[in-house]
Amino acid sequence: MVHDSTTIGQGDVDVARKAGWSDEALYDAITVCSLFQFYNNWIDATGVSDMPAIGYQMSGQRLATQGYAREPAPKKSASKKSAAKRAKKTKSVKRRKS
């Protein structure tokens, strides 16, 4: 796909489907390959330099220990939300009376 995407045809799709690839999986694979090709071309054309080896090591260590994103904060329970709303209303009423 990277060298000449115009040569990909129905025969290629049929082979991938016979190997167990779904239409969604093929779409995702084509999208990822296309994006990487774009990024590689952009990096080459703009002169962006590669990270040093230590940068990759540090990034790998961070991903291995912390993952890609932080865990979402736990949601407040309904009773806590209601209490917070009541407290906020009480404060605004007190301010108006002042």
C-alpha atoms as a PDB file:
ATOM      1  CA  MET A   1       0.000   0.000   0.000  1.00  0.00           C
ATOM      2  CA  VAL A   2       2.824   2.409   0.777  1.00  0.00           C
ATOM      3  CA  HIS A   3       4.639   1.968  -2.520  1.00  0.00           C
ATOM      4  CA  ASP A   4       1.627   2.144  -4.859  1.00  0.00           C
ATOM      5  CA  SER A   5      -1.816   2.139  -3.303  1.00  0.00           C
ATOM      6  CA  THR A   6      -3.446   2.298  -6.742  1.00  0.00           C
ATOM      7  CA  THR A   7      -2.500  -1.336  -7.377  1.00  0.00           C
ATOM      8  CA  ILE A   8      -4.644  -2.637  -4.511  1.00  0.00           C
ATOM      9  CA  GLY A   9      -7.685  -4.367  -5.942  1.00  0.00           C
ATOM     10  CA  GLN A  10     -10.588  -6.642  -5.131  1.00  0.00           C
ATOM     11  CA  GLY A  11      -8.289  -9.668  -5.287  1.00  0.00           C
ATOM     12  CA  ASP A  12      -6.227  -8.247  -2.426  1.00  0.00           C
ATOM     13  CA  VAL A  13      -9.375  -7.606  -0.406  1.00  0.00           C
ATOM     14  CA  ASP A  14     -10.606 -11.143  -1.080  1.00  0.00           C
ATOM     15  CA  VAL A  15      -7.306 -12.642   0.138  1.00  0.00           C
ATOM     16  CA  ALA A  16      -7.482 -10.589   3.340  1.00  0.00           C
ATOM     17  CA  ARG A  17     -11.095 -11.609   3.948  1.00  0.00           C
ATOM     18  CA  LYS A  18     -10.219 -15.286   3.446  1.00  0.00           C
ATOM     19  CA  ALA A  19      -7.507 -14.804   6.084  1.00  0.00           C
ATOM     20  CA  GLY A  20     -10.186 -13.655   8.528  1.00  0.00           C
ATOM     21  CA  TRP A  21     -10.034  -9.879   8.177  1.00  0.00           C
ATOM     22  CA  SER A  22     -13.356  -8.065   8.501  1.00  0.00           C
ATOM     23  CA  ASP A  23     -14.228  -4.960   6.488  1.00  0.00           C
ATOM     24  CA  GLU A  24     -13.776  -2.925   9.672  1.00  0.00           C
ATOM     25  CA  ALA A  25     -10.323  -4.410  10.320  1.00  0.00           C
ATOM     26  CA  LEU A  26      -9.264  -3.707   6.718  1.00  0.00           C
ATOM     27  CA  TYR A  27     -10.522  -0.127   6.982  1.00  0.00           C
ATOM     28  CA  ASP A  28      -8.615   0.370  10.244  1.00  0.00           C
ATOM     29  CA  ALA A  29      -5.413  -1.129   8.809  1.00  0.00           C
ATOM     30  CA  ILE A  30      -5.609   1.050   5.691  1.00  0.00           C
ATOM     31  CA  THR A  31      -6.255   4.122   7.838  1.00  0.00           C
ATOM     32  CA  VAL A  32      -3.287   3.424  10.126  1.00  0.00           C
ATOM     33  CA  CYS A  33      -0.941   2.744   7.191  1.00  0.00           C
ATOM     34  CA  SER A  34      -2.117   5.925   5.461  1.00  0.00           C
ATOM     35  CA  LEU A  35      -1.615   8.053   8.551  1.00  0.00           C
ATOM     36  CA  PHE A  36       1.870   6.678   9.161  1.00  0.00           C
ATOM     37  CA  GLN A  37       2.789   7.336   5.530  1.00  0.00           C
ATOM     38  CA  PHE A  38       1.509  10.904   5.866  1.00  0.00           C
ATOM     39  CA  TYR A  39       3.412  11.474   9.108  1.00  0.00           C
ATOM     40  CA  ASN A  40       6.614   9.991   7.677  1.00  0.00           C
ATOM     41  CA  ASN A  41       6.372  12.222   4.596  1.00  0.00           C
ATOM     42  CA  TRP A  42       5.636  15.269   6.744  1.00  0.00           C
ATOM     43  CA  ILE A  43       8.552  14.530   9.069  1.00  0.00           C
ATOM     44  CA  ASP A  44      10.942  13.984   6.144  1.00  0.00           C
ATOM     45  CA  ALA A  45       9.833  17.186   4.390  1.00  0.00           C
ATOM     46  CA  THR A  46       9.955  19.424   7.467  1.00  0.00           C
ATOM     47  CA  GLY A  47      13.225  18.125   8.857  1.00  0.00           C
ATOM     48  CA  VAL A  48      11.819  17.029  12.192  1.00  0.00           C
ATOM     49  CA  SER A  49      14.539  14.998  13.871  1.00  0.00           C
ATOM     50  CA  ASP A  50      14.147  11.654  15.555  1.00  0.00           C
ATOM     51  CA  MET A  51      14.244  11.271  19.332  1.00  0.00           C
ATOM     52  CA  PRO A  52      17.442   9.974  20.854  1.00  0.00           C
ATOM     53  CA  ALA A  53      17.399   6.360  22.057  1.00  0.00           C
ATOM     54  CA  ILE A  54      16.958   7.453  25.686  1.00  0.00           C
ATOM     55  CA  GLY A  55      13.735   9.239  24.687  1.00  0.00           C
ATOM     56  CA  TYR A  56      12.287   5.984  23.366  1.00  0.00           C
ATOM     57  CA  GLN A  57      13.403   4.146  26.496  1.00  0.00           C
ATOM     58  CA  MET A  58      11.774   6.742  28.765  1.00  0.00           C
ATOM     59  CA  SER A  59       8.585   6.763  26.695  1.00  0.00           C
ATOM     60  CA  GLY A  60       8.400   2.963  26.771  1.00  0.00           C
ATOM     61  CA  GLN A  61       8.926   2.905  30.524  1.00  0.00           C
ATOM     62  CA  ARG A  62       6.187   5.524  31.056  1.00  0.00           C
ATOM     63  CA  LEU A  63       3.736   3.646  28.821  1.00  0.00           C
ATOM     64  CA  ALA A  64       4.536   0.332  30.522  1.00  0.00           C
ATOM     65  CA  THR A  65       3.982   1.730  34.005  1.00  0.00           C
ATOM     66  CA  GLN A  66       1.340   4.425  33.449  1.00  0.00           C
ATOM     67  CA  GLY A  67      -0.360   3.508  30.177  1.00  0.00           C
ATOM     68  CA  TYR A  68      -1.553   5.994  27.571  1.00  0.00           C
ATOM     69  CA  ALA A  69      -3.934   7.944  29.777  1.00  0.00           C
ATOM     70  CA  ARG A  70      -4.832   8.381  33.405  1.00  0.00           C
ATOM     71  CA  GLU A  71      -7.729   6.484  34.885  1.00  0.00           C
ATOM     72  CA  PRO A  72     -10.880   8.610  34.807  1.00  0.00           C
ATOM     73  CA  ALA A  73     -11.781  10.151  38.151  1.00  0.00           C
ATOM     74  CA  PRO A  74     -14.544   8.258  39.909  1.00  0.00           C
ATOM     75  CA  LYS A  75     -17.940   9.843  39.498  1.00  0.00           C
ATOM     76  CA  LYS A  76     -19.557  11.359  42.550  1.00  0.00           C
ATOM     77  CA  SER A  77     -22.526   9.450  43.867  1.00  0.00           C
ATOM     78  CA  ALA A  78     -25.996  10.905  43.331  1.00  0.00           C
ATOM     79  CA  SER A  79     -26.350  11.792  47.012  1.00  0.00           C
ATOM     80  CA  LYS A  80     -23.067  13.720  47.000  1.00  0.00           C
ATOM     81  CA  LYS A  81     -24.123  15.572  43.849  1.00  0.00           C
ATOM     82  CA  SER A  82     -27.458  16.506  45.400  1.00  0.00           C
ATOM     83  CA  ALA A  83     -25.762  17.705  48.575  1.00  0.00           C
ATOM     84  CA  ALA A  84     -23.316  19.769  46.526  1.00  0.00           C
ATOM     85  CA  LYS A  85     -26.174  21.367  44.558  1.00  0.00           C
ATOM     86  CA  ARG A  86     -28.077  22.160  47.772  1.00  0.00           C
ATOM     87  CA  ALA A  87     -24.971  23.731  49.312  1.00  0.00           C
ATOM     88  CA  LYS A  88     -24.386  25.835  46.196  1.00  0.00           C
ATOM     89  CA  LYS A  89     -28.013  27.056  46.186  1.00  0.00           C
ATOM     90  CA  THR A  90     -27.805  27.899  49.886  1.00  0.00           C
ATOM     91  CA  LYS A  91     -24.653  29.971  49.298  1.00  0.00           C
ATOM     92  CA  SER A  92     -26.231  31.882  46.416  1.00  0.00           C
ATOM     93  CA  VAL A  93     -29.376  32.604  48.475  1.00  0.00           C
ATOM     94  CA  LYS A  94     -27.256  33.894  51.376  1.00  0.00           C
ATOM     95  CA  ARG A  95     -25.317  36.178  48.995  1.00  0.00           C
ATOM     96  CA  ARG A  96     -28.518  37.677  47.612  1.00  0.00           C
ATOM     97  CA  LYS A  97     -29.801  38.470  51.118  1.00  0.00           C
ATOM     98  CA  SER A  98     -26.540  40.262  52.018  1.00  0.00           C
END
